[in-house]
Amino acid sequence: MNQPSHFDCAQAFARLEDYLDRELAPDEIRHVEEHLALCEVCAREFQFEAGVLCALKEKLRRISAPPDLVARIRQTIQQSKRQM
């Protein structure tokens, strides 16, 4: 079955978070970007969501995790790598 050449608002909106997180396949990225270029409503929503995500990431960068938490996370990651 052929995919549509463009996304409607519901299809674009359903992929917005993954688009912002850069977790879409190249063809899906293209479809979302095409839709955002044509749809002012979705483009505004995208700008809002992108702004919230950017602000959240910026705030998280300023928060320091307790050293014992960082050590436990690193230990868990190392254990997971050994199990692979």
PDB file of N, CA and C in Angstrom:
ATOM      1  N   MET A   1       0.853  -1.188   0.000  1.00  0.00           N
ATOM      2  CA  MET A   1       0.000   0.000   0.000  1.00  0.00           C
ATOM      3  C   MET A   1       0.887   1.236   0.000  1.00  0.00           C
ATOM      4  N   ASN A   2       0.615   2.173  -0.863  1.00  0.00           N
ATOM      5  CA  ASN A   2       1.392   3.397  -0.947  1.00  0.00           C
ATOM      6  C   ASN A   2       1.019   4.349   0.173  1.00  0.00           C
ATOM      7  N   GLN A   3       2.052   5.026   0.715  1.00  0.00           N
ATOM      8  CA  GLN A   3       1.789   6.041   1.718  1.00  0.00           C
ATOM      9  C   GLN A   3       1.320   7.306   1.022  1.00  0.00           C
ATOM     10  N   PRO A   4       0.471   8.087   1.702  1.00  0.00           N
ATOM     11  CA  PRO A   4       0.049   9.348   1.091  1.00  0.00           C
ATOM     12  C   PRO A   4       1.256  10.258   0.910  1.00  0.00           C
ATOM     13  N   SER A   5       1.146  11.158  -0.052  1.00  0.00           N
ATOM     14  CA  SER A   5       2.268  12.052  -0.339  1.00  0.00           C
ATOM     15  C   SER A   5       2.407  13.144   0.716  1.00  0.00           C
ATOM     16  N   HIS A   6       1.426  13.281   1.578  1.00  0.00           N
ATOM     17  CA  HIS A   6       1.501  14.270   2.643  1.00  0.00           C
ATOM     18  C   HIS A   6       0.691  13.791   3.838  1.00  0.00           C
ATOM     19  N   PHE A   7       0.935  14.396   4.976  1.00  0.00           N
ATOM     20  CA  PHE A   7       0.195  14.064   6.190  1.00  0.00           C
ATOM     21  C   PHE A   7      -0.913  15.081   6.382  1.00  0.00           C
ATOM     22  N   ASP A   8      -2.024  14.615   6.936  1.00  0.00           N
ATOM     23  CA  ASP A   8      -3.039  15.567   7.369  1.00  0.00           C
ATOM     24  C   ASP A   8      -2.669  16.015   8.787  1.00  0.00           C
ATOM     25  N   CYS A   9      -3.463  16.889   9.372  1.00  0.00           N
ATOM     26  CA  CYS A   9      -3.133  17.437  10.692  1.00  0.00           C
ATOM     27  C   CYS A   9      -3.009  16.338  11.750  1.00  0.00           C
ATOM     28  N   ALA A  10      -3.921  15.386  11.754  1.00  0.00           N
ATOM     29  CA  ALA A  10      -3.889  14.319  12.761  1.00  0.00           C
ATOM     30  C   ALA A  10      -2.623  13.477  12.625  1.00  0.00           C
ATOM     31  N   GLN A  11      -2.242  13.164  11.401  1.00  0.00           N
ATOM     32  CA  GLN A  11      -1.037  12.361  11.175  1.00  0.00           C
ATOM     33  C   GLN A  11       0.218  13.130  11.587  1.00  0.00           C
ATOM     34  N   ALA A  12       0.279  14.400  11.238  1.00  0.00           N
ATOM     35  CA  ALA A  12       1.439  15.216  11.607  1.00  0.00           C
ATOM     36  C   ALA A  12       1.507  15.392  13.117  1.00  0.00           C
ATOM     37  N   PHE A  13       0.364  15.679  13.741  1.00  0.00           N
ATOM     38  CA  PHE A  13       0.333  15.892  15.187  1.00  0.00           C
ATOM     39  C   PHE A  13       0.733  14.624  15.937  1.00  0.00           C
ATOM     40  N   ALA A  14       0.313  13.461  15.429  1.00  0.00           N
ATOM     41  CA  ALA A  14       0.649  12.186  16.079  1.00  0.00           C
ATOM     42  C   ALA A  14       2.153  11.938  16.076  1.00  0.00           C
ATOM     43  N   ARG A  15       2.867  12.564  15.161  1.00  0.00           N
ATOM     44  CA  ARG A  15       4.314  12.339  15.047  1.00  0.00           C
ATOM     45  C   ARG A  15       5.135  13.513  15.584  1.00  0.00           C
ATOM     46  N   LEU A  16       4.483  14.525  16.121  1.00  0.00           N
ATOM     47  CA  LEU A  16       5.179  15.738  16.522  1.00  0.00           C
ATOM     48  C   LEU A  16       6.253  15.483  17.581  1.00  0.00           C
ATOM     49  N   GLU A  17       5.941  14.717  18.613  1.00  0.00           N
ATOM     50  CA  GLU A  17       6.936  14.450  19.663  1.00  0.00           C
ATOM     51  C   GLU A  17       8.131  13.697  19.097  1.00  0.00           C
ATOM     52  N   ASP A  18       7.870  12.681  18.293  1.00  0.00           N
ATOM     53  CA  ASP A  18       8.971  11.926  17.695  1.00  0.00           C
ATOM     54  C   ASP A  18       9.765  12.804  16.732  1.00  0.00           C
ATOM     55  N   TYR A  19       9.094  13.705  16.057  1.00  0.00           N
ATOM     56  CA  TYR A  19       9.786  14.641  15.165  1.00  0.00           C
ATOM     57  C   TYR A  19      10.715  15.544  15.979  1.00  0.00           C
ATOM     58  N   LEU A  20      10.217  16.072  17.074  1.00  0.00           N
ATOM     59  CA  LEU A  20      11.031  16.938  17.920  1.00  0.00           C
ATOM     60  C   LEU A  20      12.213  16.183  18.523  1.00  0.00           C
ATOM     61  N   ASP A  21      12.026  14.910  18.814  1.00  0.00           N
ATOM     62  CA  ASP A  21      13.088  14.084  19.391  1.00  0.00           C
ATOM     63  C   ASP A  21      13.978  13.455  18.324  1.00  0.00           C
ATOM     64  N   ARG A  22      13.699  13.771  17.060  1.00  0.00           N
ATOM     65  CA  ARG A  22      14.471  13.247  15.918  1.00  0.00           C
ATOM     66  C   ARG A  22      14.450  11.723  15.879  1.00  0.00           C
ATOM     67  N   GLU A  23      13.261  11.169  16.074  1.00  0.00           N
ATOM     68  CA  GLU A  23      13.112   9.718  16.099  1.00  0.00           C
ATOM     69  C   GLU A  23      12.255   9.182  14.951  1.00  0.00           C
ATOM     70  N   LEU A  24      12.118   9.951  13.889  1.00  0.00           N
ATOM     71  CA  LEU A  24      11.325   9.520  12.740  1.00  0.00           C
ATOM     72  C   LEU A  24      12.222   9.057  11.597  1.00  0.00           C
ATOM     73  N   ALA A  25      11.652   8.228  10.763  1.00  0.00           N
ATOM     74  CA  ALA A  25      12.340   7.814   9.541  1.00  0.00           C
ATOM     75  C   ALA A  25      12.418   9.026   8.600  1.00  0.00           C
ATOM     76  N   PRO A  26      13.391   9.035   7.706  1.00  0.00           N
ATOM     77  CA  PRO A  26      13.555  10.186   6.797  1.00  0.00           C
ATOM     78  C   PRO A  26      12.294  10.557   6.018  1.00  0.00           C
ATOM     79  N   ASP A  27      11.542   9.563   5.544  1.00  0.00           N
ATOM     80  CA  ASP A  27      10.327   9.898   4.789  1.00  0.00           C
ATOM     81  C   ASP A  27       9.266  10.525   5.684  1.00  0.00           C
ATOM     82  N   GLU A  28       9.183  10.087   6.942  1.00  0.00           N
ATOM     83  CA  GLU A  28       8.225  10.692   7.864  1.00  0.00           C
ATOM     84  C   GLU A  28       8.639  12.121   8.197  1.00  0.00           C
ATOM     85  N   ILE A  29       9.926  12.350   8.370  1.00  0.00           N
ATOM     86  CA  ILE A  29      10.420  13.718   8.618  1.00  0.00           C
ATOM     87  C   ILE A  29      10.003  14.631   7.475  1.00  0.00           C
ATOM     88  N   ARG A  30      10.214  14.148   6.268  1.00  0.00           N
ATOM     89  CA  ARG A  30       9.863  14.951   5.089  1.00  0.00           C
ATOM     90  C   ARG A  30       8.370  15.262   5.073  1.00  0.00           C
ATOM     91  N   HIS A  31       7.533  14.254   5.364  1.00  0.00           N
ATOM     92  CA  HIS A  31       6.083  14.467   5.356  1.00  0.00           C
ATOM     93  C   HIS A  31       5.663  15.470   6.433  1.00  0.00           C
ATOM     94  N   VAL A  32       6.243  15.348   7.631  1.00  0.00           N
ATOM     95  CA  VAL A  32       5.907  16.293   8.703  1.00  0.00           C
ATOM     96  C   VAL A  32       6.338  17.698   8.304  1.00  0.00           C
ATOM     97  N   GLU A  33       7.554  17.834   7.784  1.00  0.00           N
ATOM     98  CA  GLU A  33       8.042  19.157   7.387  1.00  0.00           C
ATOM     99  C   GLU A  33       7.204  19.761   6.264  1.00  0.00           C
ATOM    100  N   GLU A  34       6.778  18.935   5.325  1.00  0.00           N
ATOM    101  CA  GLU A  34       5.906  19.424   4.254  1.00  0.00           C
ATOM    102  C   GLU A  34       4.594  19.932   4.844  1.00  0.00           C
ATOM    103  N   HIS A  35       4.048  19.172   5.796  1.00  0.00           N
ATOM    104  CA  HIS A  35       2.783  19.584   6.406  1.00  0.00           C
ATOM    105  C   HIS A  35       2.959  20.885   7.189  1.00  0.00           C
ATOM    106  N   LEU A  36       4.041  20.979   7.969  1.00  0.00           N
ATOM    107  CA  LEU A  36       4.271  22.186   8.761  1.00  0.00           C
ATOM    108  C   LEU A  36       4.461  23.412   7.879  1.00  0.00           C
ATOM    109  N   ALA A  37       5.011  23.223   6.696  1.00  0.00           N
ATOM    110  CA  ALA A  37       5.208  24.337   5.766  1.00  0.00           C
ATOM    111  C   ALA A  37       3.878  24.831   5.197  1.00  0.00           C
ATOM    112  N   LEU A  38       2.882  23.945   5.165  1.00  0.00           N
ATOM    113  CA  LEU A  38       1.590  24.303   4.575  1.00  0.00           C
ATOM    114  C   LEU A  38       0.510  24.660   5.592  1.00  0.00           C
ATOM    115  N   CYS A  39       0.627  24.149   6.808  1.00  0.00           N
ATOM    116  CA  CYS A  39      -0.444  24.299   7.800  1.00  0.00           C
ATOM    117  C   CYS A  39      -0.008  25.232   8.926  1.00  0.00           C
ATOM    118  N   GLU A  40      -0.588  26.404   8.959  1.00  0.00           N
ATOM    119  CA  GLU A  40      -0.236  27.403   9.964  1.00  0.00           C
ATOM    120  C   GLU A  40      -0.600  26.950  11.374  1.00  0.00           C
ATOM    121  N   VAL A  41      -1.720  26.268  11.530  1.00  0.00           N
ATOM    122  CA  VAL A  41      -2.161  25.803  12.850  1.00  0.00           C
ATOM    123  C   VAL A  41      -1.152  24.807  13.418  1.00  0.00           C
ATOM    124  N   CYS A  42      -0.763  23.832  12.631  1.00  0.00           N
ATOM    125  CA  CYS A  42       0.202  22.830  13.098  1.00  0.00           C
ATOM    126  C   CYS A  42       1.577  23.453  13.295  1.00  0.00           C
ATOM    127  N   ALA A  43       1.942  24.408  12.442  1.00  0.00           N
ATOM    128  CA  ALA A  43       3.235  25.075  12.593  1.00  0.00           C
ATOM    129  C   ALA A  43       3.295  25.834  13.918  1.00  0.00           C
ATOM    130  N   ARG A  44       2.192  26.482  14.295  1.00  0.00           N
ATOM    131  CA  ARG A  44       2.140  27.174  15.589  1.00  0.00           C
ATOM    132  C   ARG A  44       2.252  26.178  16.735  1.00  0.00           C
ATOM    133  N   GLU A  45       1.560  25.049  16.634  1.00  0.00           N
ATOM    134  CA  GLU A  45       1.640  24.013  17.669  1.00  0.00           C
ATOM    135  C   GLU A  45       3.063  23.479  17.769  1.00  0.00           C
ATOM    136  N   PHE A  46       3.688  23.257  16.613  1.00  0.00           N
ATOM    137  CA  PHE A  46       5.067  22.791  16.603  1.00  0.00           C
ATOM    138  C   PHE A  46       5.969  23.798  17.310  1.00  0.00           C
ATOM    139  N   GLN A  47       5.821  25.081  17.000  1.00  0.00           N
ATOM    140  CA  GLN A  47       6.650  26.108  17.632  1.00  0.00           C
ATOM    141  C   GLN A  47       6.450  26.122  19.141  1.00  0.00           C
ATOM    142  N   PHE A  48       5.201  25.969  19.575  1.00  0.00           N
ATOM    143  CA  PHE A  48       4.912  25.939  21.012  1.00  0.00           C
ATOM    144  C   PHE A  48       5.592  24.733  21.661  1.00  0.00           C
ATOM    145  N   GLU A  49       5.377  23.550  21.085  1.00  0.00           N
ATOM    146  CA  GLU A  49       5.952  22.320  21.644  1.00  0.00           C
ATOM    147  C   GLU A  49       7.472  22.379  21.632  1.00  0.00           C
ATOM    148  N   ALA A  50       8.049  22.882  20.559  1.00  0.00           N
ATOM    149  CA  ALA A  50       9.503  22.995  20.468  1.00  0.00           C
ATOM    150  C   ALA A  50      10.027  23.961  21.531  1.00  0.00           C
ATOM    151  N   GLY A  51       9.305  25.031  21.772  1.00  0.00           N
ATOM    152  CA  GLY A  51       9.702  25.990  22.805  1.00  0.00           C
ATOM    153  C   GLY A  51       9.654  25.384  24.203  1.00  0.00           C
ATOM    154  N   VAL A  52       8.618  24.629  24.481  1.00  0.00           N
ATOM    155  CA  VAL A  52       8.497  23.962  25.784  1.00  0.00           C
ATOM    156  C   VAL A  52       9.640  22.963  25.956  1.00  0.00           C
ATOM    157  N   LEU A  53       9.890  22.168  24.934  1.00  0.00           N
ATOM    158  CA  LEU A  53      10.960  21.172  24.999  1.00  0.00           C
ATOM    159  C   LEU A  53      12.323  21.839  25.200  1.00  0.00           C
ATOM    160  N   CYS A  54      12.562  22.895  24.484  1.00  0.00           N
ATOM    161  CA  CYS A  54      13.834  23.625  24.601  1.00  0.00           C
ATOM    162  C   CYS A  54      13.995  24.200  26.014  1.00  0.00           C
ATOM    163  N   ALA A  55      12.948  24.805  26.545  1.00  0.00           N
ATOM    164  CA  ALA A  55      13.004  25.377  27.894  1.00  0.00           C
ATOM    165  C   ALA A  55      13.233  24.288  28.938  1.00  0.00           C
ATOM    166  N   LEU A  56      12.578  23.160  28.774  1.00  0.00           N
ATOM    167  CA  LEU A  56      12.744  22.052  29.702  1.00  0.00           C
ATOM    168  C   LEU A  56      14.174  21.516  29.664  1.00  0.00           C
ATOM    169  N   LYS A  57      14.707  21.319  28.465  1.00  0.00           N
ATOM    170  CA  LYS A  57      16.092  20.837  28.337  1.00  0.00           C
ATOM    171  C   LYS A  57      17.065  21.821  28.977  1.00  0.00           C
ATOM    172  N   GLU A  58      16.830  23.107  28.774  1.00  0.00           N
ATOM    173  CA  GLU A  58      17.713  24.125  29.347  1.00  0.00           C
ATOM    174  C   GLU A  58      17.681  24.074  30.874  1.00  0.00           C
ATOM    175  N   LYS A  59      16.501  23.925  31.440  1.00  0.00           N
ATOM    176  CA  LYS A  59      16.393  23.849  32.901  1.00  0.00           C
ATOM    177  C   LYS A  59      17.058  22.587  33.431  1.00  0.00           C
ATOM    178  N   LEU A  60      16.891  21.478  32.717  1.00  0.00           N
ATOM    179  CA  LEU A  60      17.490  20.220  33.162  1.00  0.00           C
ATOM    180  C   LEU A  60      19.016  20.272  33.115  1.00  0.00           C
ATOM    181  N   ARG A  61      19.558  21.041  32.182  1.00  0.00           N
ATOM    182  CA  ARG A  61      21.015  21.177  32.105  1.00  0.00           C
ATOM    183  C   ARG A  61      21.586  21.876  33.335  1.00  0.00           C
ATOM    184  N   ARG A  62      20.780  22.682  33.986  1.00  0.00           N
ATOM    185  CA  ARG A  62      21.242  23.436  35.154  1.00  0.00           C
ATOM    186  C   ARG A  62      21.101  22.658  36.455  1.00  0.00           C
ATOM    187  N   ILE A  63      20.446  21.514  36.412  1.00  0.00           N
ATOM    188  CA  ILE A  63      20.230  20.715  37.617  1.00  0.00           C
ATOM    189  C   ILE A  63      21.333  19.667  37.725  1.00  0.00           C
ATOM    190  N   SER A  64      21.955  19.614  38.875  1.00  0.00           N
ATOM    191  CA  SER A  64      22.984  18.606  39.110  1.00  0.00           C
ATOM    192  C   SER A  64      22.379  17.425  39.851  1.00  0.00           C
ATOM    193  N   ALA A  65      22.645  16.254  39.341  1.00  0.00           N
ATOM    194  CA  ALA A  65      22.180  15.037  40.008  1.00  0.00           C
ATOM    195  C   ALA A  65      23.117  14.734  41.173  1.00  0.00           C
ATOM    196  N   PRO A  66      22.592  14.179  42.253  1.00  0.00           N
ATOM    197  CA  PRO A  66      23.452  13.786  43.373  1.00  0.00           C
ATOM    198  C   PRO A  66      24.492  12.767  42.904  1.00  0.00           C
ATOM    199  N   PRO A  67      25.721  12.876  43.400  1.00  0.00           N
ATOM    200  CA  PRO A  67      26.794  11.974  42.959  1.00  0.00           C
ATOM    201  C   PRO A  67      26.460  10.495  43.111  1.00  0.00           C
ATOM    202  N   ASP A  68      25.771  10.118  44.180  1.00  0.00           N
ATOM    203  CA  ASP A  68      25.440   8.699  44.359  1.00  0.00           C
ATOM    204  C   ASP A  68      24.451   8.218  43.296  1.00  0.00           C
ATOM    205  N   LEU A  69      23.565   9.096  42.856  1.00  0.00           N
ATOM    206  CA  LEU A  69      22.632   8.738  41.788  1.00  0.00           C
ATOM    207  C   LEU A  69      23.381   8.537  40.476  1.00  0.00           C
ATOM    208  N   VAL A  70      24.294   9.437  40.175  1.00  0.00           N
ATOM    209  CA  VAL A  70      25.092   9.329  38.955  1.00  0.00           C
ATOM    210  C   VAL A  70      25.884   8.021  38.969  1.00  0.00           C
ATOM    211  N   ALA A  71      26.470   7.690  40.099  1.00  0.00           N
ATOM    212  CA  ALA A  71      27.250   6.452  40.215  1.00  0.00           C
ATOM    213  C   ALA A  71      26.363   5.226  39.999  1.00  0.00           C
ATOM    214  N   ARG A  72      25.167   5.223  40.570  1.00  0.00           N
ATOM    215  CA  ARG A  72      24.244   4.084  40.389  1.00  0.00           C
ATOM    216  C   ARG A  72      23.807   3.948  38.938  1.00  0.00           C
ATOM    217  N   ILE A  73      23.551   5.063  38.281  1.00  0.00           N
ATOM    218  CA  ILE A  73      23.157   5.036  36.864  1.00  0.00           C
ATOM    219  C   ILE A  73      24.290   4.480  36.019  1.00  0.00           C
ATOM    220  N   ARG A  74      25.500   4.956  36.259  1.00  0.00           N
ATOM    221  CA  ARG A  74      26.656   4.449  35.506  1.00  0.00           C
ATOM    222  C   ARG A  74      26.849   2.952  35.730  1.00  0.00           C
ATOM    223  N   GLN A  75      26.678   2.519  36.957  1.00  0.00           N
ATOM    224  CA  GLN A  75      26.822   1.102  37.277  1.00  0.00           C
ATOM    225  C   GLN A  75      25.765   0.278  36.545  1.00  0.00           C
ATOM    226  N   THR A  76      24.544   0.754  36.519  1.00  0.00           N
ATOM    227  CA  THR A  76      23.462   0.060  35.823  1.00  0.00           C
ATOM    228  C   THR A  76      23.738  -0.024  34.327  1.00  0.00           C
ATOM    229  N   ILE A  77      24.237   1.057  33.760  1.00  0.00           N
ATOM    230  CA  ILE A  77      24.559   1.059  32.326  1.00  0.00           C
ATOM    231  C   ILE A  77      25.656   0.040  32.031  1.00  0.00           C
ATOM    232  N   GLN A  78      26.686   0.028  32.869  1.00  0.00           N
ATOM    233  CA  GLN A  78      27.787  -0.921  32.659  1.00  0.00           C
ATOM    234  C   GLN A  78      27.294  -2.372  32.773  1.00  0.00           C
ATOM    235  N   GLN A  79      26.427  -2.624  33.738  1.00  0.00           N
ATOM    236  CA  GLN A  79      25.870  -3.979  33.890  1.00  0.00           C
ATOM    237  C   GLN A  79      25.047  -4.362  32.668  1.00  0.00           C
ATOM    238  N   SER A  80      24.283  -3.422  32.151  1.00  0.00           N
ATOM    239  CA  SER A  80      23.471  -3.699  30.961  1.00  0.00           C
ATOM    240  C   SER A  80      24.351  -3.997  29.756  1.00  0.00           C
ATOM    241  N   LYS A  81      25.444  -3.255  29.616  1.00  0.00           N
ATOM    242  CA  LYS A  81      26.353  -3.484  28.495  1.00  0.00           C
ATOM    243  C   LYS A  81      26.988  -4.872  28.591  1.00  0.00           C
ATOM    244  N   ARG A  82      27.318  -5.312  29.801  1.00  0.00           N
ATOM    245  CA  ARG A  82      27.931  -6.631  29.975  1.00  0.00           C
ATOM    246  C   ARG A  82      26.954  -7.752  29.651  1.00  0.00           C
ATOM    247  N   GLN A  83      25.672  -7.517  29.871  1.00  0.00           N
ATOM    248  CA  GLN A  83      24.649  -8.529  29.619  1.00  0.00           C
ATOM    249  C   GLN A  83      24.317  -8.671  28.136  1.00  0.00           C
ATOM    250  N   MET A  84      24.715  -7.704  27.339  1.00  0.00           N
ATOM    251  CA  MET A  84      24.406  -7.739  25.901  1.00  0.00           C
ATOM    252  C   MET A  84      25.266  -8.688  25.181  1.00  0.00           C
TER     253      MET A  84
END
